[in-house]
Amino acid sequence: MREHVARAGFSPDPRAKAKGLAGVEWRGRVLQGSDRLTPGEVHYLRHVVVGQEWPATTTFEEYLQSLRDVILDDRGGVLTSRYRGAWQLAAVGRSPAPPAPEEFPWVLVEYRLGLGHWVTAYRPTEGLRVLDDPNREVVPCWRS
C-alpha cells in the first residue's frame, strides 16, 4: 500500500490556481493568482518557497522525493479517514529536514483514493490537531 501511494504523487494536470502566490517567481516568470499550476507545484511553492517548511535550497524534485520517503518510512503512521465523504489515507512521518525548535517535526501527506493522487503535503505547524476536523471521520485500520 505504501509503495502504491508513494508512486501516486500529485496530479500532473495544471488545474490548481496559484492563489496566494502572486509575485512569487517560478520557472522564469512572476506568478499571478489566476495562473494555473500543477497541485505539486502549488504545494511546493506554498510550503517550501513561501512557508519555508523545508530548507530554502530544496528543489521541487527534492520536495517530492522527501514526501515519498515519508510515505515509505514504516516508522511513521498511516491513518484512514473519510474527509467530506471522500476516502483518504494520511501518511505521517518524521520531517527529512531538521525542524527549528519551535516547529513541528513531522510531515503529513494525504492521498485521496477517488483521485488516485496526493491532495496535500506539508509540515503541520499546529501538530496533528489538523487531523481533528469536524469534516473528517477517522476509520480504524489494522495490520493482518
N, C-alpha and C. Protein backbone atom coordinates (compact mmCIF):
# COMPACT_ATOMS: atom_id res chain seq x y z
N MET A 1 0.82 -1.19 0.00
CA MET A 1 0.00 0.00 0.00
C MET A 1 0.88 1.26 0.00
N ARG A 2 1.89 1.28 0.87
CA ARG A 2 2.76 2.46 0.94
C ARG A 2 3.44 2.72 -0.40
N GLU A 3 3.89 1.66 -1.06
CA GLU A 3 4.56 1.84 -2.35
C GLU A 3 3.62 2.42 -3.39
N HIS A 4 2.38 1.95 -3.40
CA HIS A 4 1.39 2.47 -4.35
C HIS A 4 1.16 3.96 -4.10
N VAL A 5 0.96 4.34 -2.85
CA VAL A 5 0.71 5.75 -2.52
C VAL A 5 1.94 6.60 -2.81
N ALA A 6 3.13 6.10 -2.52
CA ALA A 6 4.35 6.86 -2.79
C ALA A 6 4.53 7.13 -4.28
N ARG A 7 4.15 6.17 -5.12
CA ARG A 7 4.26 6.35 -6.58
C ARG A 7 3.20 7.29 -7.14
N ALA A 8 2.10 7.45 -6.45
CA ALA A 8 0.96 8.21 -6.98
C ALA A 8 1.30 9.67 -7.25
N GLY A 9 1.96 10.32 -6.32
CA GLY A 9 2.30 11.73 -6.48
C GLY A 9 1.07 12.62 -6.59
N PHE A 10 1.33 13.88 -6.86
CA PHE A 10 0.25 14.84 -7.11
C PHE A 10 -0.25 14.67 -8.54
N SER A 11 -1.45 15.12 -8.79
CA SER A 11 -1.97 15.10 -10.16
C SER A 11 -1.06 15.93 -11.06
N PRO A 12 -0.79 15.45 -12.28
CA PRO A 12 0.06 16.21 -13.20
C PRO A 12 -0.70 17.30 -13.96
N ASP A 13 -2.00 17.38 -13.79
CA ASP A 13 -2.82 18.36 -14.52
C ASP A 13 -2.64 19.76 -13.94
N PRO A 14 -2.32 20.74 -14.77
CA PRO A 14 -2.15 22.12 -14.29
C PRO A 14 -3.51 22.80 -14.09
N ARG A 15 -4.21 22.36 -13.05
CA ARG A 15 -5.55 22.88 -12.81
C ARG A 15 -5.67 23.66 -11.51
N ALA A 16 -4.60 23.72 -10.73
CA ALA A 16 -4.64 24.41 -9.44
C ALA A 16 -4.28 25.88 -9.63
N LYS A 17 -5.11 26.76 -9.07
CA LYS A 17 -4.81 28.19 -9.15
C LYS A 17 -3.66 28.54 -8.21
N ALA A 18 -2.88 29.50 -8.61
CA ALA A 18 -1.74 29.97 -7.83
C ALA A 18 -2.19 30.98 -6.78
N LYS A 19 -3.36 30.75 -6.21
CA LYS A 19 -3.94 31.65 -5.19
C LYS A 19 -2.95 31.81 -4.03
N GLY A 20 -2.71 33.05 -3.66
CA GLY A 20 -1.79 33.34 -2.57
C GLY A 20 -0.33 33.33 -2.99
N LEU A 21 -0.06 33.08 -4.26
CA LEU A 21 1.32 33.00 -4.73
C LEU A 21 1.68 34.12 -5.71
N ALA A 22 0.81 35.10 -5.85
CA ALA A 22 1.08 36.22 -6.75
C ALA A 22 2.39 36.89 -6.33
N GLY A 23 3.24 37.14 -7.31
CA GLY A 23 4.51 37.79 -7.05
C GLY A 23 5.67 36.83 -6.85
N VAL A 24 5.37 35.54 -6.65
CA VAL A 24 6.42 34.55 -6.49
C VAL A 24 6.97 34.20 -7.87
N GLU A 25 8.30 34.12 -7.97
CA GLU A 25 8.90 33.74 -9.25
C GLU A 25 8.96 32.23 -9.35
N TRP A 26 8.53 31.69 -10.49
CA TRP A 26 8.53 30.25 -10.71
C TRP A 26 8.79 29.96 -12.18
N ARG A 27 9.81 29.21 -12.42
CA ARG A 27 10.19 28.78 -13.77
C ARG A 27 10.34 29.97 -14.73
N GLY A 28 11.01 31.00 -14.23
CA GLY A 28 11.35 32.14 -15.07
C GLY A 28 10.28 33.19 -15.24
N ARG A 29 9.18 33.09 -14.49
CA ARG A 29 8.16 34.14 -14.59
C ARG A 29 7.58 34.43 -13.21
N VAL A 30 7.02 35.61 -13.09
CA VAL A 30 6.39 36.02 -11.84
C VAL A 30 4.92 35.62 -11.91
N LEU A 31 4.48 34.89 -10.91
CA LEU A 31 3.11 34.35 -10.91
C LEU A 31 2.06 35.39 -10.59
N GLN A 32 0.89 35.18 -11.16
CA GLN A 32 -0.31 35.92 -10.80
C GLN A 32 -1.24 34.92 -10.14
N GLY A 33 -2.13 35.37 -9.27
CA GLY A 33 -3.02 34.48 -8.54
C GLY A 33 -3.92 33.65 -9.43
N SER A 34 -4.16 34.09 -10.64
CA SER A 34 -5.04 33.35 -11.56
C SER A 34 -4.29 32.32 -12.41
N ASP A 35 -2.96 32.29 -12.32
CA ASP A 35 -2.19 31.31 -13.09
C ASP A 35 -2.55 29.90 -12.65
N ARG A 36 -2.46 28.97 -13.59
CA ARG A 36 -2.74 27.56 -13.31
C ARG A 36 -1.43 26.78 -13.26
N LEU A 37 -1.28 26.00 -12.19
CA LEU A 37 -0.10 25.17 -11.99
C LEU A 37 -0.55 23.76 -11.63
N THR A 38 0.37 22.84 -11.58
CA THR A 38 0.01 21.51 -11.08
C THR A 38 -0.14 21.62 -9.56
N PRO A 39 -0.95 20.74 -8.95
CA PRO A 39 -1.06 20.76 -7.49
C PRO A 39 0.29 20.61 -6.79
N GLY A 40 1.18 19.79 -7.35
CA GLY A 40 2.51 19.63 -6.75
C GLY A 40 3.29 20.93 -6.74
N GLU A 41 3.23 21.67 -7.84
CA GLU A 41 3.93 22.96 -7.89
C GLU A 41 3.35 23.94 -6.86
N VAL A 42 2.02 23.98 -6.76
CA VAL A 42 1.38 24.88 -5.80
C VAL A 42 1.82 24.53 -4.37
N HIS A 43 1.81 23.23 -4.03
CA HIS A 43 2.21 22.83 -2.67
C HIS A 43 3.68 23.12 -2.42
N TYR A 44 4.52 22.88 -3.41
CA TYR A 44 5.94 23.20 -3.27
C TYR A 44 6.14 24.70 -3.01
N LEU A 45 5.51 25.51 -3.82
CA LEU A 45 5.68 26.96 -3.66
C LEU A 45 5.13 27.44 -2.32
N ARG A 46 3.98 26.92 -1.91
CA ARG A 46 3.38 27.34 -0.62
C ARG A 46 4.19 26.89 0.58
N HIS A 47 4.63 25.63 0.57
CA HIS A 47 5.22 25.05 1.77
C HIS A 47 6.74 25.09 1.81
N VAL A 48 7.39 25.19 0.66
CA VAL A 48 8.86 25.25 0.64
C VAL A 48 9.33 26.67 0.39
N VAL A 49 8.87 27.26 -0.71
CA VAL A 49 9.37 28.59 -1.09
C VAL A 49 8.82 29.69 -0.17
N VAL A 50 7.51 29.74 -0.02
CA VAL A 50 6.89 30.80 0.79
C VAL A 50 6.90 30.44 2.28
N GLY A 51 6.41 29.24 2.61
CA GLY A 51 6.28 28.84 4.01
C GLY A 51 7.56 28.42 4.69
N GLN A 52 8.60 28.16 3.92
CA GLN A 52 9.92 27.76 4.42
C GLN A 52 9.86 26.60 5.41
N GLU A 53 9.00 25.61 5.10
CA GLU A 53 8.89 24.41 5.94
C GLU A 53 10.00 23.41 5.63
N TRP A 54 10.69 23.60 4.52
CA TRP A 54 11.85 22.81 4.12
C TRP A 54 13.00 23.81 3.95
N PRO A 55 14.25 23.35 3.95
CA PRO A 55 15.36 24.29 3.72
C PRO A 55 15.18 25.04 2.41
N ALA A 56 15.63 26.28 2.37
CA ALA A 56 15.46 27.16 1.21
C ALA A 56 16.09 26.58 -0.06
N THR A 57 17.08 25.73 0.08
CA THR A 57 17.75 25.16 -1.09
C THR A 57 17.03 23.93 -1.66
N THR A 58 15.91 23.53 -1.06
CA THR A 58 15.18 22.34 -1.51
C THR A 58 14.57 22.57 -2.88
N THR A 59 14.91 21.71 -3.82
CA THR A 59 14.33 21.81 -5.17
C THR A 59 12.96 21.15 -5.19
N PHE A 60 12.23 21.38 -6.26
CA PHE A 60 10.92 20.76 -6.44
C PHE A 60 11.05 19.24 -6.39
N GLU A 61 12.02 18.70 -7.09
CA GLU A 61 12.23 17.25 -7.14
C GLU A 61 12.59 16.70 -5.76
N GLU A 62 13.42 17.44 -5.01
CA GLU A 62 13.79 17.01 -3.65
C GLU A 62 12.58 17.04 -2.72
N TYR A 63 11.72 18.03 -2.87
CA TYR A 63 10.49 18.10 -2.08
C TYR A 63 9.64 16.86 -2.33
N LEU A 64 9.41 16.54 -3.61
CA LEU A 64 8.60 15.36 -3.94
C LEU A 64 9.23 14.08 -3.41
N GLN A 65 10.56 13.95 -3.53
CA GLN A 65 11.24 12.76 -3.01
C GLN A 65 11.11 12.68 -1.50
N SER A 66 11.18 13.80 -0.81
CA SER A 66 11.05 13.78 0.65
C SER A 66 9.65 13.30 1.05
N LEU A 67 8.64 13.61 0.26
CA LEU A 67 7.28 13.15 0.55
C LEU A 67 7.18 11.64 0.33
N ARG A 68 7.79 11.15 -0.74
CA ARG A 68 7.82 9.71 -0.99
C ARG A 68 8.52 8.99 0.16
N ASP A 69 9.63 9.57 0.62
CA ASP A 69 10.38 8.97 1.73
C ASP A 69 9.53 8.89 2.99
N VAL A 70 8.76 9.92 3.28
CA VAL A 70 7.87 9.92 4.45
C VAL A 70 6.84 8.80 4.33
N ILE A 71 6.25 8.67 3.16
CA ILE A 71 5.23 7.63 2.95
C ILE A 71 5.83 6.24 3.12
N LEU A 72 7.02 6.03 2.60
CA LEU A 72 7.64 4.70 2.62
C LEU A 72 8.28 4.33 3.95
N ASP A 73 8.50 5.29 4.81
CA ASP A 73 9.15 5.05 6.10
C ASP A 73 8.18 4.35 7.06
N ASP A 74 8.43 3.07 7.32
CA ASP A 74 7.49 2.32 8.16
C ASP A 74 7.56 2.70 9.64
N ARG A 75 8.43 3.64 9.99
CA ARG A 75 8.44 4.17 11.37
C ARG A 75 7.34 5.20 11.56
N GLY A 76 6.78 5.69 10.43
CA GLY A 76 5.70 6.66 10.50
C GLY A 76 4.35 5.96 10.63
N GLY A 77 3.32 6.75 10.69
CA GLY A 77 1.98 6.21 10.85
C GLY A 77 1.13 6.40 9.61
N VAL A 78 0.06 5.63 9.55
CA VAL A 78 -0.90 5.72 8.45
C VAL A 78 -2.29 5.82 9.08
N LEU A 79 -3.09 6.71 8.55
CA LEU A 79 -4.44 6.92 9.06
C LEU A 79 -5.41 6.88 7.89
N THR A 80 -6.48 6.12 8.03
CA THR A 80 -7.52 6.12 7.01
C THR A 80 -8.68 6.96 7.53
N SER A 81 -9.29 7.69 6.62
CA SER A 81 -10.41 8.55 7.02
C SER A 81 -11.28 8.85 5.81
N ARG A 82 -12.41 9.42 6.12
CA ARG A 82 -13.28 9.98 5.09
C ARG A 82 -13.31 11.47 5.37
N TYR A 83 -12.88 12.25 4.40
CA TYR A 83 -12.88 13.71 4.54
C TYR A 83 -13.94 14.26 3.61
N ARG A 84 -14.96 14.86 4.20
CA ARG A 84 -16.10 15.34 3.43
C ARG A 84 -16.63 14.25 2.50
N GLY A 85 -16.65 13.04 3.01
CA GLY A 85 -17.18 11.90 2.28
C GLY A 85 -16.20 11.18 1.37
N ALA A 86 -15.02 11.74 1.16
CA ALA A 86 -14.03 11.13 0.25
C ALA A 86 -13.02 10.33 1.07
N TRP A 87 -12.77 9.09 0.65
CA TRP A 87 -11.80 8.24 1.34
C TRP A 87 -10.39 8.77 1.12
N GLN A 88 -9.65 8.85 2.23
CA GLN A 88 -8.27 9.32 2.19
C GLN A 88 -7.38 8.45 3.04
N LEU A 89 -6.12 8.48 2.71
CA LEU A 89 -5.10 7.84 3.51
C LEU A 89 -4.07 8.91 3.82
N ALA A 90 -3.76 9.06 5.10
CA ALA A 90 -2.75 10.04 5.51
C ALA A 90 -1.52 9.30 6.00
N ALA A 91 -0.38 9.70 5.51
CA ALA A 91 0.89 9.18 6.00
C ALA A 91 1.55 10.28 6.79
N VAL A 92 2.01 9.94 7.98
CA VAL A 92 2.68 10.91 8.85
C VAL A 92 4.04 10.34 9.20
N GLY A 93 5.06 11.14 8.98
CA GLY A 93 6.42 10.68 9.30
C GLY A 93 7.32 11.83 9.68
N ARG A 94 8.49 11.48 10.17
CA ARG A 94 9.48 12.49 10.55
C ARG A 94 9.87 13.34 9.36
N SER A 95 10.01 14.62 9.60
CA SER A 95 10.45 15.54 8.57
C SER A 95 11.88 15.20 8.15
N PRO A 96 12.14 15.20 6.84
CA PRO A 96 13.51 14.95 6.39
C PRO A 96 14.44 16.12 6.70
N ALA A 97 13.87 17.30 6.93
CA ALA A 97 14.66 18.48 7.27
C ALA A 97 14.54 18.72 8.77
N PRO A 98 15.65 18.92 9.45
CA PRO A 98 15.55 19.15 10.89
C PRO A 98 14.75 20.42 11.17
N PRO A 99 13.73 20.32 12.01
CA PRO A 99 12.91 21.49 12.29
C PRO A 99 13.60 22.43 13.27
N ALA A 100 13.21 23.70 13.19
CA ALA A 100 13.65 24.66 14.20
C ALA A 100 12.97 24.25 15.51
N PRO A 101 13.51 24.66 16.66
CA PRO A 101 12.94 24.21 17.94
C PRO A 101 11.44 24.47 18.11
N GLU A 102 10.94 25.52 17.51
CA GLU A 102 9.52 25.84 17.66
C GLU A 102 8.63 25.17 16.62
N GLU A 103 9.22 24.41 15.71
CA GLU A 103 8.45 23.80 14.63
C GLU A 103 8.10 22.36 14.95
N PHE A 104 7.03 21.90 14.33
CA PHE A 104 6.57 20.53 14.47
C PHE A 104 7.46 19.63 13.60
N PRO A 105 7.98 18.54 14.14
CA PRO A 105 8.97 17.73 13.41
C PRO A 105 8.39 16.69 12.46
N TRP A 106 7.14 16.80 12.08
CA TRP A 106 6.51 15.78 11.25
C TRP A 106 6.05 16.33 9.92
N VAL A 107 5.83 15.43 8.96
CA VAL A 107 5.28 15.79 7.66
C VAL A 107 4.01 14.95 7.48
N LEU A 108 3.00 15.57 6.91
CA LEU A 108 1.73 14.92 6.63
C LEU A 108 1.53 14.90 5.11
N VAL A 109 1.25 13.72 4.56
CA VAL A 109 0.95 13.58 3.13
C VAL A 109 -0.40 12.88 3.05
N GLU A 110 -1.35 13.47 2.34
CA GLU A 110 -2.66 12.84 2.20
C GLU A 110 -2.93 12.44 0.76
N TYR A 111 -3.43 11.23 0.62
CA TYR A 111 -3.73 10.61 -0.67
C TYR A 111 -5.23 10.37 -0.72
N ARG A 112 -5.89 10.82 -1.78
CA ARG A 112 -7.33 10.62 -1.93
C ARG A 112 -7.57 9.45 -2.87
N LEU A 113 -8.25 8.43 -2.36
CA LEU A 113 -8.47 7.21 -3.14
C LEU A 113 -9.21 7.48 -4.45
N GLY A 114 -10.26 8.28 -4.42
CA GLY A 114 -11.05 8.53 -5.62
C GLY A 114 -10.29 9.24 -6.72
N LEU A 115 -9.26 10.01 -6.35
CA LEU A 115 -8.45 10.72 -7.34
C LEU A 115 -7.22 9.92 -7.75
N GLY A 116 -6.75 9.10 -6.83
CA GLY A 116 -5.54 8.33 -7.11
C GLY A 116 -4.27 9.17 -7.02
N HIS A 117 -4.35 10.29 -6.29
CA HIS A 117 -3.20 11.20 -6.16
C HIS A 117 -3.15 11.79 -4.76
N TRP A 118 -1.99 12.35 -4.44
CA TRP A 118 -1.86 13.10 -3.20
C TRP A 118 -2.70 14.37 -3.34
N VAL A 119 -3.27 14.81 -2.24
CA VAL A 119 -4.05 16.06 -2.28
C VAL A 119 -3.41 17.15 -1.43
N THR A 120 -2.52 16.79 -0.52
CA THR A 120 -1.79 17.79 0.24
C THR A 120 -0.56 17.15 0.86
N ALA A 121 0.41 17.99 1.18
CA ALA A 121 1.64 17.53 1.83
C ALA A 121 2.33 18.74 2.42
N TYR A 122 2.55 18.70 3.74
CA TYR A 122 3.17 19.83 4.41
C TYR A 122 3.58 19.45 5.82
N ARG A 123 4.24 20.37 6.51
CA ARG A 123 4.58 20.20 7.93
C ARG A 123 3.53 20.95 8.73
N PRO A 124 2.62 20.25 9.39
CA PRO A 124 1.57 20.93 10.14
C PRO A 124 2.14 21.61 11.39
N THR A 125 2.20 22.92 11.35
CA THR A 125 2.81 23.68 12.45
C THR A 125 1.97 23.61 13.72
N GLU A 126 0.70 23.28 13.59
CA GLU A 126 -0.15 23.17 14.77
C GLU A 126 -0.22 21.73 15.28
N GLY A 127 0.68 20.89 14.79
CA GLY A 127 0.70 19.50 15.20
C GLY A 127 -0.37 18.71 14.47
N LEU A 128 -0.61 17.53 14.94
CA LEU A 128 -1.56 16.66 14.27
C LEU A 128 -3.01 16.98 14.61
N ARG A 129 -3.24 18.06 15.33
CA ARG A 129 -4.61 18.53 15.55
C ARG A 129 -5.30 18.83 14.23
N VAL A 130 -4.52 19.03 13.18
CA VAL A 130 -5.07 19.27 11.86
C VAL A 130 -5.96 18.10 11.43
N LEU A 131 -5.68 16.91 11.95
CA LEU A 131 -6.49 15.73 11.60
C LEU A 131 -7.80 15.69 12.38
N ASP A 132 -7.89 16.50 13.44
CA ASP A 132 -9.10 16.55 14.25
C ASP A 132 -10.02 17.64 13.69
N ASP A 133 -10.67 17.31 12.61
CA ASP A 133 -11.50 18.25 11.87
C ASP A 133 -12.92 17.69 11.83
N PRO A 134 -13.93 18.52 12.06
CA PRO A 134 -15.31 18.00 12.03
C PRO A 134 -15.71 17.43 10.67
N ASN A 135 -14.98 17.76 9.62
CA ASN A 135 -15.28 17.21 8.29
C ASN A 135 -14.62 15.84 8.06
N ARG A 136 -13.84 15.38 9.05
CA ARG A 136 -13.10 14.14 8.90
C ARG A 136 -13.65 13.07 9.85
N GLU A 137 -13.91 11.91 9.29
CA GLU A 137 -14.31 10.74 10.07
C GLU A 137 -13.15 9.75 10.00
N VAL A 138 -12.46 9.55 11.13
CA VAL A 138 -11.34 8.62 11.18
C VAL A 138 -11.89 7.20 11.19
N VAL A 139 -11.33 6.36 10.34
CA VAL A 139 -11.76 4.97 10.23
C VAL A 139 -10.60 4.09 10.67
N PRO A 140 -10.77 3.32 11.75
CA PRO A 140 -9.65 2.50 12.22
C PRO A 140 -9.20 1.50 11.16
N CYS A 141 -7.89 1.30 11.09
CA CYS A 141 -7.35 0.27 10.20
C CYS A 141 -6.46 -0.63 11.05
N TRP A 142 -6.11 -1.75 10.51
CA TRP A 142 -5.32 -2.73 11.27
C TRP A 142 -4.38 -3.45 10.33
N ARG A 143 -3.42 -4.12 10.93
CA ARG A 143 -2.49 -4.95 10.17
C ARG A 143 -2.88 -6.40 10.35
N SER A 144 -2.75 -7.15 9.30
CA SER A 144 -3.06 -8.59 9.42
C SER A 144 -1.81 -9.42 9.20
